[in-house]
Amino acid sequence: MNVIIIDDDKFVTSALKAILEASGDVTVPATGTDGSEAIELYEKYNPDILLTDIQMKGLSGLEATEAIIKKYPGARILLLTTFLDDEYIIQALKLGAKGYLLKQDYESILPALEAVYSGQSVFGTEIISKIPGLISSTSKFDYTLYDINEREINIIELIADGLSNKEISAKLFLSEGTVRNYLSQILEKLGLHNRTQLAVFYYKHN
């Protein structure tokens, strides 16, 4: 997979390039230092994934993400930052970034790239733990358009709140098997792959 790396710290880009290319699965055709370069390099190389820092001099990673996704809706962009900031997380979700990871979690970067490359959305453990607190408890999205009933909406809300299948089964007085079946049906109806994507979908539509 081809990955463009953008970070205003050249040591970080060099280290990431070395780590990723050492895996044998990743080629890094170019690196950049700000959002403007991110846009230029994306258009030039059309990478499988853009891995970019958020806070940089000039154009930020989020501004670059917005510009790229607006022009290339299928762009896969993974945000990598040292900042566990609610506002950044919200913007990343709204803009359609495929992931948000913390730089210090280096060992998860390659698996995250592979997951994004396969079509998944990836958010670090610390990010996932914060998402429920950012989610409104009242749904405004018309799930009936997807043939999703009230029981399924309840399950979606509980998943978005971070509950496991076992906890949902206890709360709704259902068997774990029934909850799993509901989850499978919900994912199929919404065209999603896993509960993390479902939580992100719920947040983005409320």
Protein backbone atom coordinates (compact mmCIF):
# COMPACT_ATOMS: atom_id res chain seq x y z
CA MET A 1 0.00 0.00 0.00
CA ASN A 2 1.19 3.53 -0.79
CA VAL A 3 1.12 5.98 2.12
CA ILE A 4 1.92 9.69 2.15
CA ILE A 5 3.13 10.98 5.54
CA ILE A 6 2.62 14.61 6.61
CA ASP A 7 4.13 16.04 9.81
CA ASP A 8 5.91 19.30 10.58
CA ASP A 9 8.52 17.36 12.56
CA LYS A 10 10.88 15.84 9.98
CA PHE A 11 12.21 13.42 12.59
CA VAL A 12 8.69 12.01 12.97
CA THR A 13 8.20 11.61 9.22
CA SER A 14 11.60 9.93 8.84
CA ALA A 15 10.94 7.57 11.74
CA LEU A 16 7.46 6.66 10.50
CA LYS A 17 8.72 6.14 6.96
CA ALA A 18 11.44 3.79 8.21
CA ILE A 19 9.07 1.86 10.49
CA LEU A 20 6.35 1.43 7.87
CA GLU A 21 8.62 0.53 4.97
CA ALA A 22 10.47 -1.98 7.15
CA SER A 23 7.21 -3.94 7.34
CA GLY A 24 7.51 -4.75 3.65
CA ASP A 25 3.82 -3.94 3.15
CA VAL A 26 4.07 -0.16 2.86
CA THR A 27 5.72 2.18 0.36
CA VAL A 28 6.10 5.86 1.23
CA PRO A 29 6.57 7.73 -2.07
CA ALA A 30 6.74 11.16 -0.40
CA THR A 31 6.47 13.08 2.87
CA GLY A 32 5.44 16.65 3.64
CA THR A 33 5.42 19.16 6.46
CA ASP A 34 2.04 20.93 6.30
CA GLY A 35 -1.52 20.79 5.02
CA SER A 36 -0.74 22.52 1.74
CA GLU A 37 1.84 19.88 0.92
CA ALA A 38 -0.65 17.20 1.95
CA ILE A 39 -3.06 18.41 -0.74
CA GLU A 40 -0.33 18.75 -3.37
CA LEU A 41 1.16 15.33 -2.65
CA TYR A 42 -2.24 13.66 -2.52
CA GLU A 43 -3.09 14.99 -5.97
CA LYS A 44 0.33 14.05 -7.33
CA TYR A 45 0.59 10.51 -5.95
CA ASN A 46 -3.06 9.53 -5.27
CA PRO A 47 -1.95 7.39 -2.30
CA ASP A 48 -3.96 4.57 -0.79
CA ILE A 49 -3.83 6.42 2.54
CA LEU A 50 -2.79 9.87 3.72
CA LEU A 51 -1.31 9.77 7.22
CA THR A 52 -1.23 13.29 8.58
CA ASP A 53 -0.57 15.29 11.72
CA ILE A 54 -3.30 17.75 12.75
CA GLN A 55 -1.63 20.83 14.22
CA MET A 56 0.96 22.25 11.82
CA LYS A 57 2.11 25.69 10.71
CA GLY A 58 0.04 27.05 7.86
CA LEU A 59 -2.75 24.75 6.75
CA SER A 60 -3.70 22.21 9.42
CA GLY A 61 -4.24 18.51 8.91
CA LEU A 62 -7.98 18.95 9.44
CA GLU A 63 -8.17 21.74 6.85
CA ALA A 64 -6.26 19.57 4.40
CA THR A 65 -8.58 16.65 5.17
CA GLU A 66 -11.63 18.78 4.43
CA ALA A 67 -10.19 20.02 1.12
CA ILE A 68 -9.08 16.57 -0.03
CA ILE A 69 -12.30 14.76 0.88
CA LYS A 70 -14.36 17.50 -0.77
CA LYS A 71 -12.51 16.87 -4.04
CA TYR A 72 -11.92 13.14 -3.55
CA PRO A 73 -14.83 11.74 -1.48
CA GLY A 74 -13.26 8.28 -1.39
CA ALA A 75 -10.00 9.52 0.13
CA ARG A 76 -8.71 7.49 3.06
CA ILE A 77 -7.16 9.83 5.60
CA LEU A 78 -5.76 8.75 8.96
CA LEU A 79 -5.07 11.51 11.48
CA LEU A 80 -2.10 11.09 13.78
CA THR A 81 -1.64 13.54 16.64
CA THR A 82 -0.40 14.09 20.17
CA PHE A 83 -3.62 15.90 21.05
CA LEU A 84 -6.54 14.05 22.66
CA ASP A 85 -8.84 16.99 22.04
CA ASP A 86 -12.65 16.75 21.89
CA GLU A 87 -12.90 19.41 19.20
CA TYR A 88 -10.37 17.63 17.00
CA ILE A 89 -12.19 14.31 17.41
CA ILE A 90 -15.54 15.89 16.53
CA GLN A 91 -14.09 17.59 13.44
CA ALA A 92 -12.35 14.40 12.34
CA LEU A 93 -15.62 12.46 12.55
CA LYS A 94 -17.62 15.13 10.77
CA LEU A 95 -15.08 15.52 7.97
CA GLY A 96 -15.04 11.81 7.25
CA ALA A 97 -11.51 10.92 8.33
CA LYS A 98 -11.02 7.15 8.47
CA GLY A 99 -9.15 7.22 11.75
CA TYR A 100 -7.68 9.20 14.62
CA LEU A 101 -4.66 7.87 16.49
CA LEU A 102 -2.24 9.23 19.07
CA LYS A 103 1.41 9.44 18.01
CA GLN A 104 2.60 7.77 21.18
CA ASP A 105 0.69 4.63 20.20
CA TYR A 106 3.29 3.73 17.55
CA GLU A 107 2.68 -0.01 17.61
CA SER A 108 -0.91 0.49 16.46
CA ILE A 109 -0.12 2.62 13.40
CA LEU A 110 0.65 -0.20 10.94
CA PRO A 111 -2.41 -2.30 11.99
CA ALA A 112 -4.50 0.87 11.72
CA LEU A 113 -3.25 1.55 8.20
CA GLU A 114 -4.03 -2.03 7.20
CA ALA A 115 -7.53 -1.74 8.66
CA VAL A 116 -8.21 1.56 6.87
CA TYR A 117 -6.85 0.08 3.64
CA SER A 118 -9.35 -2.78 3.97
CA GLY A 119 -12.23 -0.32 4.35
CA GLN A 120 -12.57 0.06 8.11
CA SER A 121 -12.54 3.16 10.30
CA VAL A 122 -10.01 3.14 13.11
CA PHE A 123 -9.96 5.15 16.30
CA GLY A 124 -7.49 4.57 19.12
CA THR A 125 -8.64 3.12 22.44
CA GLU A 126 -8.43 6.53 24.11
CA ILE A 127 -10.55 8.06 21.35
CA ILE A 128 -13.22 5.36 21.49
CA SER A 129 -13.55 5.87 25.24
CA LYS A 130 -14.32 9.55 24.67
CA ILE A 131 -16.85 9.15 21.85
CA PRO A 132 -19.81 8.19 24.08
CA GLY A 133 -19.40 11.44 26.00
CA LEU A 134 -19.54 13.37 22.73
CA ILE A 135 -22.71 11.69 21.56
CA SER A 136 -26.11 13.27 22.05
CA SER A 137 -28.56 10.94 23.77
CA THR A 138 -31.39 12.00 21.47
CA SER A 139 -31.50 10.62 17.96
CA LYS A 140 -32.45 13.02 15.16
CA PHE A 141 -31.58 10.69 12.31
CA ASP A 142 -34.45 9.01 10.46
CA TYR A 143 -33.48 5.34 10.80
CA THR A 144 -36.78 4.25 9.27
CA LEU A 145 -35.23 5.07 5.89
CA TYR A 146 -32.98 2.07 6.52
CA ASP A 147 -35.82 -0.13 7.80
CA ILE A 148 -34.43 0.06 11.34
CA ASN A 149 -37.03 -0.34 14.08
CA GLU A 150 -37.21 1.13 17.58
CA ARG A 151 -35.61 -1.90 19.25
CA GLU A 152 -32.68 -1.70 16.85
CA ILE A 153 -32.32 2.03 17.53
CA ASN A 154 -32.12 1.23 21.26
CA ILE A 155 -29.32 -1.22 20.57
CA ILE A 156 -27.48 1.31 18.38
CA GLU A 157 -27.65 3.90 21.18
CA LEU A 158 -26.34 1.42 23.75
CA ILE A 159 -23.48 0.37 21.47
CA ALA A 160 -22.65 4.04 20.95
CA ASP A 161 -22.58 4.41 24.74
CA GLY A 162 -19.88 1.73 24.84
CA LEU A 163 -21.91 -1.21 26.21
CA SER A 164 -20.89 -4.77 25.37
CA ASN A 165 -23.33 -7.36 24.00
CA LYS A 166 -23.53 -8.90 27.47
CA GLU A 167 -24.39 -5.55 29.06
CA ILE A 168 -26.97 -4.80 26.37
CA SER A 169 -28.58 -8.21 26.82
CA ALA A 170 -28.94 -7.59 30.56
CA LYS A 171 -30.31 -4.08 30.07
CA LEU A 172 -32.87 -5.07 27.43
CA PHE A 173 -33.65 -8.53 28.85
CA LEU A 174 -32.48 -10.27 25.69
CA SER A 175 -30.09 -13.17 25.17
CA GLU A 176 -26.57 -12.35 23.97
CA GLY A 177 -27.31 -14.36 20.82
CA THR A 178 -30.33 -12.18 20.09
CA VAL A 179 -28.24 -9.04 20.59
CA ARG A 180 -25.59 -10.40 18.20
CA ASN A 181 -28.30 -11.11 15.63
CA TYR A 182 -29.69 -7.60 15.99
CA LEU A 183 -26.20 -6.15 15.59
CA SER A 184 -25.55 -8.17 12.44
CA GLN A 185 -28.86 -7.02 10.95
CA ILE A 186 -28.16 -3.38 11.84
CA LEU A 187 -24.67 -3.47 10.31
CA GLU A 188 -26.04 -5.05 7.14
CA LYS A 189 -28.82 -2.46 6.81
CA LEU A 190 -26.41 0.45 7.26
CA GLY A 191 -23.62 -1.08 5.18
CA LEU A 192 -21.15 -1.04 8.08
CA HIS A 193 -18.58 -3.61 9.21
CA ASN A 194 -18.27 -3.40 13.00
CA ARG A 195 -19.58 -1.80 16.20
CA THR A 196 -16.92 0.94 16.12
CA GLN A 197 -18.14 2.09 12.72
CA LEU A 198 -21.70 1.93 14.06
CA ALA A 199 -20.80 4.21 17.00
CA VAL A 200 -19.12 6.65 14.63
CA PHE A 201 -22.12 6.53 12.27
CA TYR A 202 -24.48 7.25 15.19
CA TYR A 203 -22.41 10.23 16.31
CA LYS A 204 -22.11 11.68 12.80
CA HIS A 205 -25.89 11.61 12.33
CA ASN A 206 -26.88 13.21 15.61
